[in-house]
Amino acid sequence: MIGGRRAGLLAGLFLLAAGAAAGPAAADERAPTGPQLAVAAGVVQLFDPDLSGFASIAWQDRHGARRASPWLFAEATARDHFFGFGALVDFPVGSRTLVTPSLAIALYHEHDGLGLGSMFEIRSALEATWPLRSGRIGAAFLHYSNARIGGDHNPGTEALLLVWVMPIGARSRGISRWSAG
């Protein structure tokens, strides 16, 4: 039987492969570009006995479908904080769905909360969003791991979030063409 973390990783890899294979040729025109603000809230410690609240805010500079885009983020539980940067890639699936895997490096500041074992963490995530008139809404599954950088203690943690992504600035495009109608 596959453990919870391995099952999540396998599901994420499957969705990533499906997103890469299923996107139509004209998908580049539908993917958003320019600065975006992402706000998310949900729960962390999915595979542990006690769930905790989790919040995230991120700035993303999207470069279109199948192109690596930079992003910066700040995330927190009631006791812990994460600050990081990384890359994300948008994969349009069908006519309205956007699947976005991301990878980042984070500084982790613990206050007797998650106990992740290192001040450096690797954040991997898979997000799926759908268009709204004011941006996109969706869900994200993420995993934090210290990759044993700080020794053998690497408990890791997972989170499930509700995500709202909205354009900011004059360079943003693509979301309005994905109108909900």
N, C-alpha and C. Protein backbone atom coordinates (compact mmCIF):
# COMPACT_ATOMS: atom_id res chain seq x y z
N MET A 1 0.85 -1.19 0.00
CA MET A 1 0.00 0.00 0.00
C MET A 1 0.88 1.24 0.00
N ILE A 2 0.50 2.25 -0.76
CA ILE A 2 1.27 3.48 -0.87
C ILE A 2 0.91 4.40 0.29
N GLY A 3 1.95 4.97 0.94
CA GLY A 3 1.73 5.90 2.04
C GLY A 3 1.12 7.21 1.56
N GLY A 4 0.59 8.01 2.50
CA GLY A 4 -0.09 9.25 2.15
C GLY A 4 0.76 10.23 1.37
N ARG A 5 2.00 10.42 1.77
CA ARG A 5 2.86 11.38 1.08
C ARG A 5 3.23 10.88 -0.30
N ARG A 6 3.51 9.60 -0.43
CA ARG A 6 3.85 9.06 -1.74
C ARG A 6 2.64 9.10 -2.67
N ALA A 7 1.45 8.81 -2.14
CA ALA A 7 0.24 8.87 -2.96
C ALA A 7 -0.01 10.28 -3.46
N GLY A 8 0.22 11.27 -2.60
CA GLY A 8 0.06 12.67 -3.02
C GLY A 8 1.05 13.05 -4.10
N LEU A 9 2.29 12.61 -3.94
CA LEU A 9 3.32 12.90 -4.94
C LEU A 9 2.97 12.24 -6.27
N LEU A 10 2.56 10.98 -6.23
CA LEU A 10 2.18 10.29 -7.46
C LEU A 10 0.99 10.95 -8.14
N ALA A 11 0.00 11.37 -7.34
CA ALA A 11 -1.16 12.06 -7.92
C ALA A 11 -0.74 13.38 -8.55
N GLY A 12 0.15 14.11 -7.89
CA GLY A 12 0.63 15.37 -8.44
C GLY A 12 1.39 15.18 -9.73
N LEU A 13 2.25 14.17 -9.78
CA LEU A 13 2.99 13.90 -11.02
C LEU A 13 2.06 13.49 -12.15
N PHE A 14 1.03 12.70 -11.83
CA PHE A 14 0.06 12.31 -12.84
C PHE A 14 -0.68 13.54 -13.39
N LEU A 15 -1.12 14.43 -12.50
CA LEU A 15 -1.82 15.63 -12.95
C LEU A 15 -0.92 16.54 -13.76
N LEU A 16 0.34 16.65 -13.38
CA LEU A 16 1.30 17.44 -14.14
C LEU A 16 1.46 16.87 -15.55
N ALA A 17 1.62 15.56 -15.65
CA ALA A 17 1.77 14.93 -16.97
C ALA A 17 0.50 15.08 -17.79
N ALA A 18 -0.66 14.93 -17.17
CA ALA A 18 -1.92 15.09 -17.89
C ALA A 18 -2.09 16.52 -18.38
N GLY A 19 -1.71 17.49 -17.55
CA GLY A 19 -1.81 18.88 -17.96
C GLY A 19 -0.89 19.20 -19.12
N ALA A 20 0.30 18.65 -19.11
CA ALA A 20 1.24 18.90 -20.20
C ALA A 20 0.76 18.27 -21.50
N ALA A 21 0.14 17.11 -21.40
CA ALA A 21 -0.29 16.40 -22.61
C ALA A 21 -1.62 16.91 -23.15
N ALA A 22 -2.50 17.42 -22.27
CA ALA A 22 -3.86 17.74 -22.70
C ALA A 22 -4.05 19.15 -23.21
N GLY A 23 -3.11 20.04 -23.00
CA GLY A 23 -3.29 21.43 -23.42
C GLY A 23 -3.35 21.58 -24.92
N PRO A 24 -4.36 22.29 -25.47
CA PRO A 24 -4.46 22.47 -26.91
C PRO A 24 -3.37 23.40 -27.44
N ALA A 25 -3.16 23.37 -28.74
CA ALA A 25 -2.08 24.14 -29.37
C ALA A 25 -2.23 25.64 -29.15
N ALA A 26 -3.45 26.14 -29.11
CA ALA A 26 -3.67 27.59 -28.96
C ALA A 26 -3.72 28.03 -27.50
N ALA A 27 -3.28 27.19 -26.60
CA ALA A 27 -3.39 27.48 -25.18
C ALA A 27 -2.60 28.71 -24.75
N ASP A 28 -1.52 29.05 -25.45
CA ASP A 28 -0.71 30.19 -25.05
C ASP A 28 -1.52 31.47 -25.00
N GLU A 29 -2.53 31.61 -25.84
CA GLU A 29 -3.34 32.82 -25.86
C GLU A 29 -4.30 32.88 -24.68
N ARG A 30 -4.62 31.76 -24.07
CA ARG A 30 -5.57 31.74 -22.97
C ARG A 30 -4.91 31.89 -21.61
N ALA A 31 -3.64 31.58 -21.50
CA ALA A 31 -2.98 31.65 -20.19
C ALA A 31 -2.74 33.10 -19.81
N PRO A 32 -2.92 33.42 -18.53
CA PRO A 32 -2.70 34.80 -18.08
C PRO A 32 -1.24 35.19 -18.15
N THR A 33 -1.00 36.47 -18.35
CA THR A 33 0.35 37.01 -18.33
C THR A 33 0.36 38.27 -17.48
N GLY A 34 1.55 38.67 -17.06
CA GLY A 34 1.69 39.88 -16.27
C GLY A 34 1.58 39.61 -14.78
N PRO A 35 1.64 40.67 -13.99
CA PRO A 35 1.60 40.53 -12.53
C PRO A 35 0.25 40.03 -12.04
N GLN A 36 0.31 39.12 -11.08
CA GLN A 36 -0.88 38.54 -10.46
C GLN A 36 -0.67 38.52 -8.95
N LEU A 37 -1.75 38.65 -8.21
CA LEU A 37 -1.72 38.52 -6.77
C LEU A 37 -2.54 37.29 -6.42
N ALA A 38 -1.98 36.36 -5.66
CA ALA A 38 -2.68 35.15 -5.24
C ALA A 38 -2.87 35.18 -3.73
N VAL A 39 -4.09 34.96 -3.29
CA VAL A 39 -4.43 34.90 -1.88
C VAL A 39 -5.04 33.53 -1.63
N ALA A 40 -4.60 32.85 -0.57
CA ALA A 40 -5.09 31.50 -0.31
C ALA A 40 -5.27 31.27 1.18
N ALA A 41 -6.19 30.38 1.51
CA ALA A 41 -6.41 29.97 2.90
C ALA A 41 -6.85 28.52 2.90
N GLY A 42 -6.45 27.82 3.94
CA GLY A 42 -6.82 26.41 4.04
C GLY A 42 -6.29 25.79 5.30
N VAL A 43 -5.93 24.49 5.19
CA VAL A 43 -5.45 23.74 6.35
C VAL A 43 -4.11 23.10 6.03
N VAL A 44 -3.29 22.93 7.08
CA VAL A 44 -1.99 22.30 6.97
C VAL A 44 -1.97 21.09 7.91
N GLN A 45 -1.03 20.21 7.73
CA GLN A 45 -0.90 18.95 8.46
C GLN A 45 -2.01 17.98 8.06
N LEU A 46 -2.23 17.85 6.77
CA LEU A 46 -3.31 17.01 6.26
C LEU A 46 -3.22 15.56 6.71
N PHE A 47 -2.03 15.03 6.84
CA PHE A 47 -1.86 13.62 7.19
C PHE A 47 -1.44 13.43 8.64
N ASP A 48 -1.65 14.46 9.46
CA ASP A 48 -1.36 14.40 10.88
C ASP A 48 -2.69 14.48 11.64
N PRO A 49 -2.69 14.11 12.93
CA PRO A 49 -3.95 14.10 13.67
C PRO A 49 -4.60 15.47 13.86
N ASP A 50 -3.79 16.53 13.98
CA ASP A 50 -4.34 17.86 14.27
C ASP A 50 -4.14 18.80 13.09
N LEU A 51 -5.24 19.22 12.46
CA LEU A 51 -5.17 20.20 11.38
C LEU A 51 -4.97 21.59 11.97
N SER A 52 -4.28 22.45 11.21
CA SER A 52 -4.08 23.84 11.61
C SER A 52 -4.44 24.73 10.43
N GLY A 53 -4.83 25.96 10.71
CA GLY A 53 -5.11 26.93 9.66
C GLY A 53 -3.83 27.36 8.95
N PHE A 54 -3.96 27.75 7.70
CA PHE A 54 -2.81 28.13 6.88
C PHE A 54 -3.24 29.23 5.94
N ALA A 55 -2.44 30.28 5.81
CA ALA A 55 -2.76 31.40 4.91
C ALA A 55 -1.55 31.73 4.06
N SER A 56 -1.81 32.24 2.84
CA SER A 56 -0.74 32.52 1.90
C SER A 56 -1.08 33.76 1.08
N ILE A 57 -0.07 34.55 0.77
CA ILE A 57 -0.20 35.65 -0.18
C ILE A 57 1.03 35.60 -1.08
N ALA A 58 0.82 35.78 -2.38
CA ALA A 58 1.94 35.64 -3.33
C ALA A 58 1.82 36.66 -4.45
N TRP A 59 2.96 37.13 -4.91
CA TRP A 59 3.07 37.94 -6.13
C TRP A 59 3.65 37.03 -7.20
N GLN A 60 3.00 37.02 -8.37
CA GLN A 60 3.44 36.18 -9.48
C GLN A 60 3.55 37.03 -10.73
N ASP A 61 4.60 36.85 -11.51
CA ASP A 61 4.73 37.55 -12.79
C ASP A 61 4.62 36.49 -13.88
N ARG A 62 3.40 36.27 -14.35
CA ARG A 62 3.12 35.16 -15.28
C ARG A 62 3.59 35.49 -16.69
N HIS A 63 4.23 34.50 -17.34
CA HIS A 63 4.78 34.66 -18.69
C HIS A 63 4.02 33.85 -19.74
N GLY A 64 2.84 33.33 -19.41
CA GLY A 64 2.05 32.58 -20.38
C GLY A 64 2.20 31.08 -20.18
N ALA A 65 1.48 30.33 -21.03
CA ALA A 65 1.43 28.88 -20.91
C ALA A 65 2.79 28.24 -21.18
N ARG A 66 3.07 27.22 -20.39
CA ARG A 66 4.26 26.39 -20.56
C ARG A 66 5.58 27.17 -20.49
N ARG A 67 5.56 28.29 -19.80
CA ARG A 67 6.77 29.11 -19.62
C ARG A 67 6.98 29.34 -18.13
N ALA A 68 8.20 29.13 -17.66
CA ALA A 68 8.50 29.34 -16.25
C ALA A 68 8.28 30.81 -15.88
N SER A 69 7.62 31.02 -14.76
CA SER A 69 7.32 32.36 -14.27
C SER A 69 7.76 32.48 -12.82
N PRO A 70 8.35 33.62 -12.43
CA PRO A 70 8.81 33.79 -11.05
C PRO A 70 7.66 34.16 -10.12
N TRP A 71 7.84 33.84 -8.84
CA TRP A 71 6.87 34.25 -7.83
C TRP A 71 7.54 34.36 -6.47
N LEU A 72 6.98 35.22 -5.64
CA LEU A 72 7.41 35.45 -4.26
C LEU A 72 6.21 35.21 -3.35
N PHE A 73 6.45 34.71 -2.14
CA PHE A 73 5.31 34.43 -1.27
C PHE A 73 5.66 34.59 0.20
N ALA A 74 4.61 34.79 0.99
CA ALA A 74 4.66 34.75 2.45
C ALA A 74 3.49 33.88 2.89
N GLU A 75 3.77 32.94 3.79
CA GLU A 75 2.73 32.02 4.26
C GLU A 75 2.87 31.88 5.77
N ALA A 76 1.76 31.49 6.42
CA ALA A 76 1.81 31.40 7.87
C ALA A 76 0.75 30.47 8.42
N THR A 77 1.09 29.86 9.56
CA THR A 77 0.12 29.23 10.43
C THR A 77 -0.01 30.18 11.62
N ALA A 78 -0.71 29.78 12.65
CA ALA A 78 -0.82 30.63 13.83
C ALA A 78 0.54 30.83 14.51
N ARG A 79 1.47 29.88 14.31
CA ARG A 79 2.76 29.96 15.00
C ARG A 79 3.98 30.00 14.09
N ASP A 80 3.86 29.63 12.84
CA ASP A 80 5.01 29.53 11.94
C ASP A 80 4.87 30.46 10.75
N HIS A 81 6.03 30.85 10.18
CA HIS A 81 6.04 31.72 9.01
C HIS A 81 6.99 31.17 7.95
N PHE A 82 6.61 31.35 6.68
CA PHE A 82 7.42 30.95 5.55
C PHE A 82 7.55 32.16 4.61
N PHE A 83 8.76 32.39 4.10
CA PHE A 83 9.00 33.44 3.12
C PHE A 83 9.86 32.83 2.03
N GLY A 84 9.44 32.95 0.77
CA GLY A 84 10.21 32.28 -0.26
C GLY A 84 10.01 32.81 -1.65
N PHE A 85 10.72 32.17 -2.58
CA PHE A 85 10.62 32.50 -4.00
C PHE A 85 10.80 31.21 -4.79
N GLY A 86 10.29 31.23 -6.02
CA GLY A 86 10.42 30.05 -6.85
C GLY A 86 9.92 30.30 -8.26
N ALA A 87 9.53 29.21 -8.91
CA ALA A 87 9.04 29.27 -10.28
C ALA A 87 7.76 28.45 -10.38
N LEU A 88 6.90 28.87 -11.28
CA LEU A 88 5.66 28.14 -11.57
C LEU A 88 5.50 28.08 -13.08
N VAL A 89 4.70 27.11 -13.54
CA VAL A 89 4.44 26.95 -14.96
C VAL A 89 2.95 26.67 -15.12
N ASP A 90 2.27 27.43 -15.99
CA ASP A 90 0.84 27.24 -16.27
C ASP A 90 0.65 26.27 -17.42
N PHE A 91 -0.26 25.30 -17.23
CA PHE A 91 -0.63 24.36 -18.28
C PHE A 91 -2.15 24.43 -18.48
N PRO A 92 -2.64 25.06 -19.56
CA PRO A 92 -4.08 25.03 -19.83
C PRO A 92 -4.53 23.60 -20.13
N VAL A 93 -5.65 23.22 -19.54
CA VAL A 93 -6.24 21.90 -19.76
C VAL A 93 -7.68 22.14 -20.20
N GLY A 94 -8.03 21.68 -21.38
CA GLY A 94 -9.36 21.97 -21.90
C GLY A 94 -9.51 23.45 -22.19
N SER A 95 -10.73 23.93 -22.15
CA SER A 95 -10.96 25.33 -22.53
C SER A 95 -10.94 26.29 -21.35
N ARG A 96 -11.02 25.80 -20.09
CA ARG A 96 -11.15 26.72 -18.97
C ARG A 96 -10.26 26.42 -17.77
N THR A 97 -9.66 25.28 -17.69
CA THR A 97 -8.89 24.88 -16.52
C THR A 97 -7.42 25.22 -16.71
N LEU A 98 -6.80 25.71 -15.65
CA LEU A 98 -5.38 25.99 -15.65
C LEU A 98 -4.75 25.18 -14.51
N VAL A 99 -3.81 24.29 -14.85
CA VAL A 99 -3.08 23.49 -13.87
C VAL A 99 -1.69 24.09 -13.75
N THR A 100 -1.27 24.37 -12.50
CA THR A 100 -0.02 25.09 -12.27
C THR A 100 0.83 24.38 -11.21
N PRO A 101 1.86 23.64 -11.64
CA PRO A 101 2.82 23.14 -10.66
C PRO A 101 3.81 24.24 -10.32
N SER A 102 4.36 24.20 -9.11
CA SER A 102 5.36 25.18 -8.71
C SER A 102 6.38 24.55 -7.78
N LEU A 103 7.54 25.17 -7.74
CA LEU A 103 8.63 24.72 -6.87
C LEU A 103 9.30 25.97 -6.31
N ALA A 104 9.62 25.95 -5.01
CA ALA A 104 10.19 27.14 -4.38
C ALA A 104 11.13 26.75 -3.23
N ILE A 105 11.94 27.71 -2.85
CA ILE A 105 12.79 27.62 -1.67
C ILE A 105 12.22 28.61 -0.66
N ALA A 106 12.11 28.18 0.60
CA ALA A 106 11.53 29.03 1.62
C ALA A 106 12.40 29.09 2.87
N LEU A 107 12.40 30.25 3.50
CA LEU A 107 12.94 30.39 4.84
C LEU A 107 11.80 30.11 5.80
N TYR A 108 12.04 29.27 6.77
CA TYR A 108 11.01 28.84 7.72
C TYR A 108 11.36 29.37 9.09
N HIS A 109 10.42 30.11 9.71
CA HIS A 109 10.62 30.65 11.05
C HIS A 109 9.61 29.98 11.96
N GLU A 110 10.10 29.11 12.83
CA GLU A 110 9.22 28.32 13.70
C GLU A 110 9.02 28.98 15.05
N HIS A 111 7.79 28.91 15.55
CA HIS A 111 7.43 29.39 16.89
C HIS A 111 6.70 28.26 17.62
N ASP A 112 7.36 27.11 17.78
CA ASP A 112 6.77 25.96 18.47
C ASP A 112 5.49 25.50 17.77
N GLY A 113 5.55 25.39 16.44
CA GLY A 113 4.38 24.99 15.68
C GLY A 113 4.58 23.67 14.95
N LEU A 114 4.87 23.74 13.66
CA LEU A 114 4.95 22.54 12.82
C LEU A 114 6.19 21.69 13.08
N GLY A 115 7.27 22.28 13.53
CA GLY A 115 8.49 21.53 13.84
C GLY A 115 9.08 20.83 12.63
N LEU A 116 9.36 21.60 11.56
CA LEU A 116 9.82 21.00 10.31
C LEU A 116 11.31 20.68 10.26
N GLY A 117 12.08 21.07 11.27
CA GLY A 117 13.44 20.59 11.40
C GLY A 117 14.54 21.41 10.76
N SER A 118 14.25 22.42 9.98
CA SER A 118 15.29 23.23 9.35
C SER A 118 14.73 24.61 9.03
N MET A 119 15.59 25.60 9.00
CA MET A 119 15.11 26.94 8.62
C MET A 119 14.98 27.07 7.10
N PHE A 120 15.51 26.09 6.34
CA PHE A 120 15.36 26.07 4.88
C PHE A 120 14.41 24.95 4.50
N GLU A 121 13.41 25.27 3.70
CA GLU A 121 12.41 24.29 3.27
C GLU A 121 12.24 24.36 1.75
N ILE A 122 11.89 23.23 1.18
CA ILE A 122 11.54 23.15 -0.24
C ILE A 122 10.02 23.05 -0.30
N ARG A 123 9.40 23.89 -1.12
CA ARG A 123 7.94 23.90 -1.26
C ARG A 123 7.59 23.46 -2.68
N SER A 124 6.82 22.39 -2.78
CA SER A 124 6.31 21.95 -4.08
C SER A 124 4.79 21.97 -4.01
N ALA A 125 4.15 22.33 -5.12
CA ALA A 125 2.69 22.47 -5.10
C ALA A 125 2.10 22.17 -6.46
N LEU A 126 0.82 21.84 -6.44
CA LEU A 126 0.04 21.67 -7.65
C LEU A 126 -1.28 22.40 -7.44
N GLU A 127 -1.61 23.30 -8.36
CA GLU A 127 -2.79 24.15 -8.25
C GLU A 127 -3.65 23.96 -9.49
N ALA A 128 -4.96 23.98 -9.32
CA ALA A 128 -5.90 23.97 -10.45
C ALA A 128 -6.86 25.13 -10.24
N THR A 129 -7.02 25.98 -11.28
CA THR A 129 -7.91 27.14 -11.16
C THR A 129 -8.83 27.24 -12.37
N TRP A 130 -9.94 27.95 -12.15
CA TRP A 130 -10.95 28.19 -13.18
C TRP A 130 -11.27 29.68 -13.20
N PRO A 131 -11.67 30.21 -14.36
CA PRO A 131 -11.86 31.66 -14.49
C PRO A 131 -13.10 32.19 -13.77
N LEU A 132 -12.95 33.40 -13.28
CA LEU A 132 -14.04 34.22 -12.75
C LEU A 132 -13.95 35.55 -13.49
N ARG A 133 -14.92 36.41 -13.30
CA ARG A 133 -14.84 37.74 -13.91
C ARG A 133 -13.73 38.58 -13.29
N SER A 134 -13.36 38.28 -12.06
CA SER A 134 -12.34 39.07 -11.37
C SER A 134 -11.07 38.27 -11.10
N GLY A 135 -10.74 37.33 -11.94
CA GLY A 135 -9.53 36.54 -11.76
C GLY A 135 -9.81 35.06 -11.95
N ARG A 136 -9.22 34.23 -11.07
CA ARG A 136 -9.42 32.80 -11.12
C ARG A 136 -9.58 32.28 -9.70
N ILE A 137 -10.29 31.19 -9.55
CA ILE A 137 -10.46 30.55 -8.25
C ILE A 137 -10.15 29.07 -8.40
N GLY A 138 -9.62 28.48 -7.35
CA GLY A 138 -9.29 27.07 -7.44
C GLY A 138 -8.79 26.51 -6.13
N ALA A 139 -8.03 25.41 -6.24
CA ALA A 139 -7.50 24.72 -5.08
C ALA A 139 -6.03 24.39 -5.33
N ALA A 140 -5.28 24.30 -4.25
CA ALA A 140 -3.86 23.95 -4.34
C ALA A 140 -3.54 22.92 -3.27
N PHE A 141 -2.69 21.98 -3.63
CA PHE A 141 -2.13 21.01 -2.70
C PHE A 141 -0.64 21.28 -2.67
N LEU A 142 -0.07 21.42 -1.47
CA LEU A 142 1.37 21.72 -1.38
C LEU A 142 2.04 20.85 -0.34
N HIS A 143 3.35 20.72 -0.49
CA HIS A 143 4.17 19.94 0.43
C HIS A 143 5.42 20.74 0.78
N TYR A 144 5.74 20.80 2.06
CA TYR A 144 6.99 21.39 2.53
C TYR A 144 7.89 20.26 3.02
N SER A 145 9.16 20.31 2.64
CA SER A 145 10.16 19.35 3.07
C SER A 145 11.49 20.06 3.22
N ASN A 146 12.30 19.66 4.21
CA ASN A 146 13.63 20.25 4.32
C ASN A 146 14.67 19.44 3.57
N ALA A 147 14.26 18.36 2.91
CA ALA A 147 15.16 17.52 2.12
C ALA A 147 16.37 17.07 2.93
N ARG A 148 16.18 16.95 4.24
CA ARG A 148 17.23 16.53 5.17
C ARG A 148 18.44 17.47 5.17
N ILE A 149 18.21 18.74 4.83
CA ILE A 149 19.29 19.73 4.83
C ILE A 149 19.83 19.93 6.24
N GLY A 150 18.96 19.95 7.23
CA GLY A 150 19.38 20.20 8.60
C GLY A 150 19.63 18.95 9.41
N GLY A 151 19.81 17.81 8.78
CA GLY A 151 20.02 16.56 9.51
C GLY A 151 18.96 15.53 9.12
N ASP A 152 18.77 14.55 9.97
CA ASP A 152 17.84 13.46 9.66
C ASP A 152 16.39 13.77 9.98
N HIS A 153 16.13 14.86 10.69
CA HIS A 153 14.75 15.20 11.07
C HIS A 153 14.06 15.92 9.90
N ASN A 154 13.14 15.23 9.23
CA ASN A 154 12.45 15.78 8.06
C ASN A 154 10.99 15.33 8.08
N PRO A 155 10.17 15.89 9.00
CA PRO A 155 8.79 15.43 9.07
C PRO A 155 7.95 15.89 7.88
N GLY A 156 8.27 17.03 7.29
CA GLY A 156 7.47 17.56 6.18
C GLY A 156 6.03 17.82 6.61
N THR A 157 5.30 18.49 5.75
CA THR A 157 3.88 18.71 5.99
C THR A 157 3.19 19.03 4.67
N GLU A 158 1.89 18.81 4.64
CA GLU A 158 1.09 19.08 3.45
C GLU A 158 -0.03 20.05 3.80
N ALA A 159 -0.48 20.80 2.79
CA ALA A 159 -1.59 21.73 2.99
C ALA A 159 -2.54 21.66 1.80
N LEU A 160 -3.79 21.95 2.05
CA LEU A 160 -4.81 22.05 1.03
C LEU A 160 -5.44 23.44 1.15
N LEU A 161 -5.43 24.20 0.04
CA LEU A 161 -5.83 25.60 0.09
C LEU A 161 -6.89 25.94 -0.95
N LEU A 162 -7.75 26.88 -0.63
CA LEU A 162 -8.63 27.54 -1.59
C LEU A 162 -7.86 28.77 -2.07
N VAL A 163 -7.75 28.94 -3.40
CA VAL A 163 -6.89 29.98 -3.98
C VAL A 163 -7.72 30.95 -4.82
N TRP A 164 -7.43 32.24 -4.69
CA TRP A 164 -8.01 33.27 -5.56
C TRP A 164 -6.84 34.03 -6.17
N VAL A 165 -6.76 34.06 -7.49
CA VAL A 165 -5.69 34.74 -8.21
C VAL A 165 -6.30 35.89 -8.98
N MET A 166 -5.75 37.10 -8.82
CA MET A 166 -6.31 38.27 -9.49
C MET A 166 -5.22 39.06 -10.19
N PRO A 167 -5.54 39.68 -11.33
CA PRO A 167 -4.54 40.49 -12.03
C PRO A 167 -4.29 41.79 -11.29
N ILE A 168 -3.04 42.27 -11.38
CA ILE A 168 -2.70 43.59 -10.85
C ILE A 168 -1.87 44.30 -11.89
N GLY A 169 -2.08 45.57 -12.05
CA GLY A 169 -1.28 46.35 -12.99
C GLY A 169 -1.79 46.29 -14.41
N ALA A 170 -1.25 47.16 -15.24
CA ALA A 170 -1.69 47.32 -16.63
C ALA A 170 -1.19 46.21 -17.55
N ARG A 171 -0.12 45.48 -17.17
CA ARG A 171 0.42 44.44 -18.05
C ARG A 171 -0.35 43.12 -17.99
N SER A 172 -1.23 42.95 -17.00
CA SER A 172 -1.96 41.70 -16.86
C SER A 172 -2.95 41.52 -17.99
N ARG A 173 -2.94 40.31 -18.57
CA ARG A 173 -3.93 39.98 -19.59
C ARG A 173 -4.21 38.49 -19.53
N GLY A 174 -5.26 38.11 -20.22
CA GLY A 174 -5.57 36.70 -20.34
C GLY A 174 -6.72 36.26 -19.46
N ILE A 175 -6.86 36.85 -18.28
CA ILE A 175 -7.92 36.43 -17.38
C ILE A 175 -9.27 36.91 -17.91
N SER A 176 -9.36 38.14 -18.39
CA SER A 176 -10.66 38.66 -18.86
C SER A 176 -11.15 37.88 -20.07
N ARG A 177 -10.24 37.37 -20.90
CA ARG A 177 -10.67 36.58 -22.06
C ARG A 177 -11.20 35.22 -21.64
N TRP A 178 -10.91 34.84 -20.41
CA TRP A 178 -11.43 33.58 -19.88
C TRP A 178 -12.69 33.86 -19.08
N SER A 179 -13.55 34.73 -19.57
CA SER A 179 -14.72 35.12 -18.81
C SER A 179 -15.57 33.91 -18.49
N ALA A 180 -16.32 34.04 -17.44
CA ALA A 180 -17.11 32.91 -16.92
C ALA A 180 -18.32 32.61 -17.79
N GLY A 181 -18.48 33.20 -18.93
CA GLY A 181 -19.68 32.97 -19.72
C GLY A 181 -19.51 32.12 -20.91
